Amino acid sequence: MTKEELRAELEKQANRFQAVYGGEITTYAAQPDPERKPWRKKPTVHDQVFKAELQKIEKELSEQAPEAR
């Protein structure tokens, strides 16, 4: 069954429901897709330790640089 056939069948059933049973049909608009937010990785303990070590090394290098002059 194709989409067109399905649409035609559903429309036929809706018209029959309204005509025979006097029912009221409510159609709903499609819900919008949820807003996509960029995925972010939470830093693990290893990532935090690595970052701390990098900062420590950078600090040591910056302290040594003025002494070398």
Protein backbone atom coordinates (compact mmCIF):
# COMPACT_ATOMS: atom_id res chain seq x y z
CA MET A 1 0.00 0.00 0.00
CA THR A 2 1.46 3.35 -1.05
CA LYS A 3 1.14 6.60 0.82
CA GLU A 4 -1.42 7.87 -1.66
CA GLU A 5 -3.56 4.75 -1.26
CA LEU A 6 -3.32 5.04 2.51
CA ARG A 7 -4.29 8.73 2.42
CA ALA A 8 -7.26 7.94 0.17
CA GLU A 9 -8.38 5.11 2.47
CA LEU A 10 -8.11 7.25 5.58
CA GLU A 11 -10.00 10.10 3.93
CA LYS A 12 -12.71 7.67 2.83
CA GLN A 13 -13.02 6.31 6.37
CA ALA A 14 -13.11 9.84 7.83
CA ASN A 15 -15.88 10.90 5.43
CA ARG A 16 -17.84 7.72 6.23
CA PHE A 17 -17.44 8.34 9.97
CA GLN A 18 -18.72 11.90 9.61
CA ALA A 19 -21.62 10.97 7.31
CA VAL A 20 -22.85 7.76 8.97
CA TYR A 21 -22.11 8.38 12.63
CA GLY A 22 -22.17 12.17 12.64
CA GLY A 23 -18.82 12.17 14.35
CA GLU A 24 -16.43 15.05 14.52
CA ILE A 25 -12.87 14.55 13.39
CA THR A 26 -10.02 16.54 14.86
CA THR A 27 -6.79 16.63 12.94
CA TYR A 28 -3.61 17.61 14.67
CA ALA A 29 -0.60 19.33 13.23
CA ALA A 30 2.63 17.43 13.36
CA GLN A 31 4.70 18.14 16.43
CA PRO A 32 7.89 20.07 15.68
CA ASP A 33 11.14 18.18 16.00
CA PRO A 34 12.88 18.85 19.28
CA GLU A 35 15.53 21.51 19.16
CA ARG A 36 18.87 19.85 18.59
CA LYS A 37 21.57 20.92 20.96
CA PRO A 38 25.22 20.18 20.41
CA TRP A 39 26.42 17.08 22.15
CA ARG A 40 28.97 17.73 24.84
CA LYS A 41 31.17 15.15 26.44
CA LYS A 42 31.43 15.44 30.21
CA PRO A 43 35.06 15.43 31.26
CA THR A 44 36.10 12.24 33.00
CA VAL A 45 38.41 12.12 36.01
CA HIS A 46 41.28 11.31 33.66
CA ASP A 47 40.48 14.35 31.52
CA GLN A 48 40.42 16.60 34.60
CA VAL A 49 43.73 15.23 35.88
CA PHE A 50 45.31 15.63 32.44
CA LYS A 51 44.13 19.25 32.24
CA ALA A 52 45.47 19.94 35.74
CA GLU A 53 48.85 18.46 34.80
CA LEU A 54 48.98 20.61 31.66
CA GLN A 55 48.26 23.73 33.68
CA LYS A 56 50.91 22.74 36.22
CA ILE A 57 53.51 22.23 33.46
CA GLU A 58 52.57 25.52 31.77
CA LYS A 59 52.90 27.32 35.09
CA GLU A 60 56.35 25.80 35.67
CA LEU A 61 57.46 26.76 32.17
CA SER A 62 56.22 30.32 32.58
CA GLU A 63 58.11 30.61 35.89
CA GLN A 64 61.31 29.31 34.28
CA ALA A 65 61.10 31.63 31.28
CA PRO A 66 61.84 34.89 33.19
CA GLU A 67 64.77 33.23 34.95
CA ALA A 68 66.36 32.25 31.61
CA ARG A 69 66.58 35.90 30.50
